[in-house]
Protein backbone atom coordinates (compact mmCIF):
# COMPACT_ATOMS: atom_id res chain seq x y z
CA UNK A 1 -3.94 50.03 -103.33
CA UNK A 2 -2.56 48.87 -99.97
CA UNK A 3 -3.67 50.55 -96.73
CA UNK A 4 -1.81 50.05 -93.50
CA UNK A 5 -2.73 50.88 -89.91
CA UNK A 6 -0.08 52.73 -88.01
CA UNK A 7 0.26 51.24 -84.53
CA UNK A 8 2.91 50.95 -81.87
CA UNK A 9 3.18 47.23 -82.61
CA UNK A 10 4.15 47.81 -86.23
CA UNK A 11 6.04 51.01 -85.71
CA UNK A 12 8.09 50.86 -82.55
CA UNK A 13 8.66 54.58 -82.58
CA UNK A 14 4.94 55.29 -82.28
CA UNK A 15 4.12 56.13 -78.66
CA UNK A 16 0.83 56.12 -76.79
CA UNK A 17 -0.88 59.42 -75.96
CA UNK A 18 1.23 61.38 -78.51
CA UNK A 19 0.26 63.81 -81.33
CA UNK A 20 1.66 63.12 -84.83
CA UNK A 21 1.49 64.70 -88.28
CA UNK A 22 1.34 62.45 -91.34
CA UNK A 23 0.82 62.29 -95.08
CA UNK A 24 -0.75 59.58 -97.17
CA UNK A 25 0.76 58.13 -100.33
CA UNK A 26 -0.93 55.54 -102.55
CA UNK A 27 1.62 52.92 -103.51
CA UNK A 28 1.44 51.72 -107.10
CA UNK A 29 1.71 48.12 -108.20
CA UNK A 30 4.86 48.77 -110.21
CA UNK A 31 3.12 47.43 -113.36
CA UNK A 32 0.11 49.54 -114.18
CA UNK A 33 0.25 52.30 -111.61
CA UNK A 34 2.88 54.55 -110.21
CA UNK A 35 2.92 55.80 -106.64
CA UNK A 36 0.61 58.73 -106.08
CA UNK A 37 1.70 62.07 -104.89
CA UNK A 38 1.72 62.56 -101.14
CA UNK A 39 -1.37 64.04 -99.60
CA UNK A 40 -1.35 67.22 -97.66
CA UNK A 41 -0.21 66.87 -94.07
CA UNK A 42 -2.76 65.80 -91.44
CA UNK A 43 -2.67 65.53 -87.63
CA UNK A 44 -3.54 62.57 -85.36
CA UNK A 45 -3.01 61.53 -81.72
CA UNK A 46 -2.48 58.07 -80.34
CA UNK A 47 -4.64 56.81 -77.44
CA UNK A 48 -3.52 56.66 -73.81
CA UNK A 49 -3.49 52.98 -72.81
CA UNK A 50 -3.27 51.90 -69.17
CA UNK A 51 -0.39 49.71 -68.10
CA UNK A 52 -1.31 46.02 -67.84
CA UNK A 53 -1.46 45.06 -64.13
CA UNK A 54 1.31 42.79 -62.91
CA UNK A 55 0.14 39.90 -60.69
CA UNK A 56 2.71 39.00 -58.05
CA UNK A 57 0.55 36.57 -56.04
CA UNK A 58 -1.97 34.28 -57.71
CA UNK A 59 -5.10 32.83 -56.01
CA UNK A 60 -4.17 29.53 -54.35
CA UNK A 61 -6.19 26.33 -54.55
CA UNK A 62 -7.74 25.19 -51.26
CA UNK A 63 -9.50 22.19 -49.76
CA UNK A 64 -12.05 22.62 -46.97
CA UNK A 65 -15.01 20.84 -45.38
CA UNK A 66 -18.61 21.95 -45.06
CA UNK A 67 -19.03 24.91 -42.71
CA UNK A 68 -15.38 26.00 -42.75
CA UNK A 69 -14.16 29.34 -44.11
CA UNK A 70 -11.66 30.21 -46.84
CA UNK A 71 -10.35 33.33 -48.59
CA UNK A 72 -9.01 33.44 -52.15
CA UNK A 73 -6.91 36.51 -52.93
CA UNK A 74 -4.77 38.14 -55.61
CA UNK A 75 -1.97 40.68 -55.36
CA UNK A 76 -1.32 42.95 -58.35
CA UNK A 77 0.40 46.27 -59.02
CA UNK A 78 0.58 49.00 -61.66
CA UNK A 79 3.15 51.68 -62.45
CA UNK A 80 1.15 54.42 -64.14
CA UNK A 81 -0.93 55.74 -61.27
CA UNK A 82 -4.13 54.24 -62.62
CA UNK A 83 -6.93 52.62 -60.63
CA UNK A 84 -7.17 48.86 -60.27
CA UNK A 85 -10.48 47.00 -60.04
CA UNK A 86 -11.34 43.32 -59.72
CA UNK A 87 -14.00 40.88 -60.90
CA UNK A 88 -14.04 37.32 -59.58
CA UNK A 89 -15.21 34.49 -61.80
CA UNK A 90 -16.47 30.99 -61.03
CA UNK A 91 -16.12 28.62 -63.94
CA UNK A 92 -15.48 31.65 -66.15
CA UNK A 93 -18.73 33.40 -65.16
CA UNK A 94 -18.67 36.67 -63.23
CA UNK A 95 -19.82 36.45 -59.59
CA UNK A 96 -22.20 39.29 -58.80
CA UNK A 97 -20.84 41.72 -56.23
CA UNK A 98 -17.41 40.11 -55.84
CA UNK A 99 -15.20 43.02 -56.92
CA UNK A 100 -12.40 43.21 -54.35
CA UNK A 101 -8.91 41.75 -54.26
CA UNK A 102 -10.13 38.85 -52.13
CA UNK A 103 -13.06 36.43 -52.23
CA UNK A 104 -14.18 35.19 -48.80
CA UNK A 105 -16.48 32.29 -47.86
CA UNK A 106 -17.41 32.45 -44.18
CA UNK A 107 -19.32 29.13 -44.10
CA UNK A 108 -18.79 26.86 -47.06
CA UNK A 109 -21.40 24.59 -48.61
CA UNK A 110 -20.65 21.81 -51.07
CA UNK A 111 -22.05 23.92 -53.94
CA UNK A 112 -19.22 26.44 -53.43
CA UNK A 113 -16.71 23.97 -54.86
CA UNK A 114 -15.38 24.96 -58.29
CA UNK A 115 -12.72 26.82 -60.29
CA UNK A 116 -12.12 30.48 -59.46
CA UNK A 117 -10.15 33.25 -61.18
CA UNK A 118 -10.12 37.04 -61.08
CA UNK A 119 -9.84 39.71 -63.78
CA UNK A 120 -7.67 42.65 -62.71
CA UNK A 121 -8.33 45.88 -64.62
CA UNK A 122 -6.21 49.07 -64.69
CA UNK A 123 -8.08 52.24 -65.66
CA UNK A 124 -6.51 55.63 -66.38
CA UNK A 125 -8.33 58.89 -66.92
CA UNK A 126 -8.85 59.65 -70.59
CA UNK A 127 -7.29 56.37 -71.68
CA UNK A 128 -8.09 52.78 -72.52
CA UNK A 129 -8.14 50.20 -69.71
CA UNK A 130 -5.90 47.15 -69.59
CA UNK A 131 -6.77 43.82 -68.05
CA UNK A 132 -5.09 40.62 -66.96
CA UNK A 133 -6.71 37.39 -65.75
CA UNK A 134 -5.21 35.42 -62.87
CA UNK A 135 -4.47 31.74 -62.93
CA UNK A 136 -7.31 29.41 -61.86
CA UNK A 137 -7.63 28.27 -58.24
CA UNK A 138 -9.56 25.09 -57.49
CA UNK A 139 -11.73 25.13 -54.36
CA UNK A 140 -12.65 21.66 -53.05
CA UNK A 141 -15.43 21.34 -50.46
CA UNK A 142 -16.10 17.96 -48.85
CA UNK A 143 -18.55 16.65 -46.23
CA UNK A 144 -17.72 17.52 -42.63
CA UNK A 145 -17.38 15.20 -39.66
CA UNK A 146 -20.38 15.01 -37.35
CA UNK A 147 -20.37 15.94 -33.68
CA UNK A 148 -20.17 13.09 -31.17
CA UNK A 149 -22.97 10.50 -31.33
CA UNK A 150 -24.09 9.04 -27.99
CA UNK A 151 -26.30 6.07 -27.07
CA UNK A 152 -28.69 7.36 -24.38
CA UNK A 153 -30.68 4.18 -23.60
CA UNK A 154 -28.23 2.35 -21.35
CA UNK A 155 -30.35 0.53 -18.77
CA UNK A 156 -33.47 -1.60 -18.69
CA UNK A 157 -35.18 -4.43 -16.87
CA UNK A 158 -34.99 -8.04 -17.95
CA UNK A 159 -38.23 -9.15 -19.58
CA UNK A 160 -39.10 -5.71 -21.00
CA UNK A 161 -37.73 -4.68 -24.43
CA UNK A 162 -35.62 -1.51 -24.17
CA UNK A 163 -36.43 1.17 -26.77
CA UNK A 164 -33.12 2.38 -28.19
CA UNK A 165 -32.48 6.13 -28.24
CA UNK A 166 -29.51 8.34 -29.12
CA UNK A 167 -28.40 11.96 -29.23
CA UNK A 168 -25.77 14.05 -30.96
CA UNK A 169 -24.36 13.92 -34.45
CA UNK A 170 -25.02 16.46 -37.20
CA UNK A 171 -27.22 16.74 -40.27
CA UNK A 172 -30.36 14.82 -41.12
CA UNK A 173 -29.09 11.23 -41.25
CA UNK A 174 -31.10 8.57 -39.40
CA UNK A 175 -29.85 6.66 -36.33
CA UNK A 176 -29.27 2.91 -36.57
CA UNK A 177 -28.19 0.46 -33.87
CA UNK A 178 -26.09 -2.69 -33.72
CA UNK A 179 -25.20 -5.13 -30.93
CA UNK A 180 -21.41 -5.28 -30.78
CA UNK A 181 -21.34 -7.92 -28.03
CA UNK A 182 -24.33 -9.99 -26.82
CA UNK A 183 -22.63 -10.25 -23.42
CA UNK A 184 -24.11 -11.94 -20.38
CA UNK A 185 -27.55 -10.51 -21.19
CA UNK A 186 -27.74 -12.28 -24.58
CA UNK A 187 -28.86 -9.09 -26.35
CA UNK A 188 -30.47 -8.81 -29.79
CA UNK A 189 -32.30 -6.02 -31.64
CA UNK A 190 -35.78 -6.27 -33.08
CA UNK A 191 -37.87 -3.36 -34.45
CA UNK A 192 -35.70 -0.74 -32.79
CA UNK A 193 -35.84 -2.39 -29.35
CA UNK A 194 -33.13 -4.24 -27.45
CA UNK A 195 -34.11 -7.62 -26.02
CA UNK A 196 -32.25 -9.81 -23.53
CA UNK A 197 -32.39 -13.47 -22.60
CA UNK A 198 -31.31 -12.88 -18.99
CA UNK A 199 -30.26 -10.09 -16.64
CA UNK A 200 -26.72 -8.86 -17.38
CA UNK A 201 -24.88 -6.57 -19.77
CA UNK A 202 -24.15 -6.22 -23.47
CA UNK A 203 -22.66 -3.51 -25.72
CA UNK A 204 -24.41 -1.52 -28.44
CA UNK A 205 -23.16 0.96 -31.05
CA UNK A 206 -25.30 3.71 -32.60
CA UNK A 207 -24.53 5.15 -36.05
CA UNK A 208 -25.92 8.34 -37.58
CA UNK A 209 -26.01 8.07 -41.38
CA UNK A 210 -24.33 10.55 -43.71
CA UNK A 211 -26.35 13.38 -45.22
CA UNK A 212 -25.72 16.07 -47.84
CA UNK A 213 -23.13 17.92 -45.78
CA UNK A 214 -21.91 15.34 -43.24
CA UNK A 215 -20.10 12.02 -43.19
CA UNK A 216 -21.56 9.15 -41.19
CA UNK A 217 -20.55 8.85 -37.51
CA UNK A 218 -20.72 6.08 -34.90
CA UNK A 219 -20.55 6.03 -31.12
CA UNK A 220 -18.16 3.89 -29.16
CA UNK A 221 -19.43 0.48 -28.03
CA UNK A 222 -21.65 1.40 -25.08
CA UNK A 223 -22.55 -0.91 -22.20
CA UNK A 224 -26.27 -1.54 -21.64
CA UNK A 225 -27.38 -3.14 -18.37
CA UNK A 226 -30.50 -5.26 -17.88
CA UNK A 227 -31.33 -5.52 -14.18
CA UNK A 228 -33.07 -8.38 -12.43
CA UNK A 229 -36.84 -8.33 -11.96
CA UNK A 230 -38.45 -7.20 -8.72
CA UNK A 231 -40.29 -9.89 -6.80
CA UNK A 232 -43.96 -9.62 -5.94
CA UNK A 233 -44.57 -8.26 -2.46
CA UNK A 234 -44.20 -10.57 0.54
CA UNK A 235 -46.96 -10.82 3.15
CA UNK A 236 -47.47 -12.62 6.46
CA UNK A 237 -50.81 -14.36 6.95
CA UNK A 238 -51.09 -13.98 10.75
CA UNK A 239 -49.74 -11.09 12.80
CA UNK A 240 -51.44 -11.59 16.17
CA UNK A 241 -51.37 -14.37 18.76
CA UNK A 242 -51.23 -15.11 22.48
CA UNK A 243 -48.54 -16.06 24.93
CA UNK A 244 -49.62 -19.70 24.97
CA UNK A 245 -49.89 -20.59 21.29
CA UNK A 246 -47.48 -18.04 19.71
CA UNK A 247 -47.69 -17.28 15.97
CA UNK A 248 -46.97 -19.80 13.24
CA UNK A 249 -45.43 -17.72 10.42
CA UNK A 250 -47.00 -18.30 7.01
CA UNK A 251 -45.45 -16.27 4.16
CA UNK A 252 -47.04 -15.64 0.76
CA UNK A 253 -45.82 -13.71 -2.30
CA UNK A 254 -42.31 -13.31 -3.62
CA UNK A 255 -40.94 -14.67 -6.90
CA UNK A 256 -38.22 -17.02 -8.08
CA UNK A 257 -36.31 -19.73 -6.29
CA UNK A 258 -34.58 -17.75 -3.52
CA UNK A 259 -34.81 -19.10 0.01
CA UNK A 260 -36.95 -17.42 2.71
CA UNK A 261 -35.41 -16.35 6.01
CA UNK A 262 -37.13 -15.01 9.14
CA UNK A 263 -35.84 -12.84 11.96
CA UNK A 264 -37.47 -11.06 14.90
CA UNK A 265 -36.60 -8.26 17.29
CA UNK A 266 -37.13 -8.91 20.98
CA UNK A 267 -39.52 -6.00 21.31
CA UNK A 268 -41.78 -5.44 24.30
CA UNK A 269 -43.12 -8.99 23.92
CA UNK A 270 -39.65 -10.50 24.39
CA UNK A 271 -40.02 -12.53 21.17
CA UNK A 272 -38.05 -15.46 19.86
CA UNK A 273 -38.40 -17.59 16.72
CA UNK A 274 -37.89 -21.32 16.41
CA UNK A 275 -38.72 -23.47 13.40
CA UNK A 276 -41.01 -20.85 11.90
CA UNK A 277 -42.96 -20.18 15.15
CA UNK A 278 -42.66 -16.85 16.97
CA UNK A 279 -43.22 -17.05 20.74
CA UNK A 280 -43.45 -14.29 23.30
CA UNK A 281 -42.89 -14.14 27.07
CA UNK A 282 -44.86 -10.95 27.69
CA UNK A 283 -47.83 -9.13 26.36
CA UNK A 284 -46.64 -6.63 23.75
CA UNK A 285 -45.20 -6.43 20.24
CA UNK A 286 -42.11 -7.28 18.26
CA UNK A 287 -41.03 -6.91 14.64
CA UNK A 288 -40.79 -9.82 12.19
CA UNK A 289 -38.63 -9.41 9.08
CA UNK A 290 -39.19 -11.78 6.15
CA UNK A 291 -36.59 -11.91 3.36
CA UNK A 292 -36.66 -13.89 0.14
CA UNK A 293 -33.22 -14.11 -1.42
CA UNK A 294 -32.38 -13.17 -5.01
CA UNK A 295 -31.80 -15.73 -7.73
CA UNK A 296 -30.60 -15.51 -11.33
CA UNK A 297 -33.74 -13.64 -12.40
CA UNK A 298 -35.13 -11.78 -9.39
CA UNK A 299 -33.81 -9.27 -6.90
CA UNK A 300 -34.14 -10.02 -3.19
CA UNK A 301 -37.36 -8.92 -1.50
CA UNK A 302 -37.95 -8.09 2.15
CA UNK A 303 -40.82 -6.91 4.36
CA UNK A 304 -41.18 -6.16 8.08
CA UNK A 305 -44.43 -6.55 9.99
CA UNK A 306 -45.43 -5.95 13.61
CA UNK A 307 -46.55 -8.98 15.64
CA UNK A 308 -48.87 -8.47 18.59
CA UNK A 309 -49.20 -10.83 21.56
CA UNK A 310 -52.02 -10.94 24.15
CA UNK A 311 -52.61 -12.98 27.31
CA UNK A 312 -53.55 -16.61 26.86
CA UNK A 313 -57.25 -17.32 27.56
CA UNK A 314 -57.80 -20.16 30.15
CA UNK A 315 -59.96 -23.10 29.04
CA UNK A 316 -62.83 -24.03 31.43
CA UNK A 317 -63.09 -27.83 32.07
CA UNK A 318 -66.26 -29.95 32.69
CA UNK A 319 -66.60 -32.57 35.53
CA UNK A 320 -67.70 -35.94 34.27
CA UNK A 321 -68.43 -37.64 37.72
CA UNK A 322 -70.15 -36.84 41.07
CA UNK A 323 -68.75 -33.97 43.05
CA UNK A 324 -70.07 -35.06 46.54
CA UNK A 325 -68.07 -36.82 49.29
CA UNK A 326 -67.51 -37.41 53.00
CA UNK A 327 -65.82 -34.90 55.16
CA UNK A 328 -62.25 -35.81 55.63
CA UNK A 329 -62.07 -37.79 52.47
CA UNK A 330 -60.86 -36.65 49.14
CA UNK A 331 -63.21 -37.23 46.34
CA UNK A 332 -61.90 -38.02 42.83
CA UNK A 333 -63.20 -35.95 40.06
CA UNK A 334 -62.77 -36.66 36.36
CA UNK A 335 -62.54 -33.83 33.99
């Protein structure tokens, strides 16, 4: 015998949520069996089935970078007064707790990338729910750009390696340095320090490497200045003398090949300088300034000292012949 299910798909006149009366007849095979008599009448009701939600706006694919935000959303409607609910999926797997019409990421990480869809369900009281699944939206998340990277070691002194330092950037990537122009300082890098062959300037670029969430980033070419060396201190050997002999200036200290110049103030001693000798016309003091000029390696150096002048001490002579004579005559003495 042949049994058939009576459904709305096979019998267009069958409606949902409707009571019907029916009889059952066994259909013979037209060879060995005749059709049976109809059964007594029975009653049955069809189920109430919710209307399938209609999606008018599908989730849209999006491309973002690490740390940005994005919202995926769906717009659907129903016509039977039922209640709609939502379940978002990633790669076909339900996402716990994501049951609204939109899916929001406030700060994306690379692991959020993937394929997303949403199941929209319509539920009616006393009936069967209906569902529809949205199209798939692809979310792409890429590494973000770093904040500005800056070279912070921008000045040093010739002869002393300059330790290179930097600030800024994002993530965990390491800093690395490169000389972009050796310049007048003749710069080179060794073991994280910048060396120079002379005072002057050069340019250096710092790069912070990429990390899980960030691209690599480099600074602009930054000027680094190596200054000249300071000379050793100048000193004057003698700072006191008398009005007769004056002071012969003897200078020690200083560095490099720069020339030495001397100058004096008049002061209370009424000083003057000639050929490296300071003379005075009165007891008192004056100021002597000694300057050694700069050269290609050293800065200029200068010092000022106070010179003091006292009275000249007379020298007592000794007679070498007799000191007697006749009155009225001049004797000759030899000293």
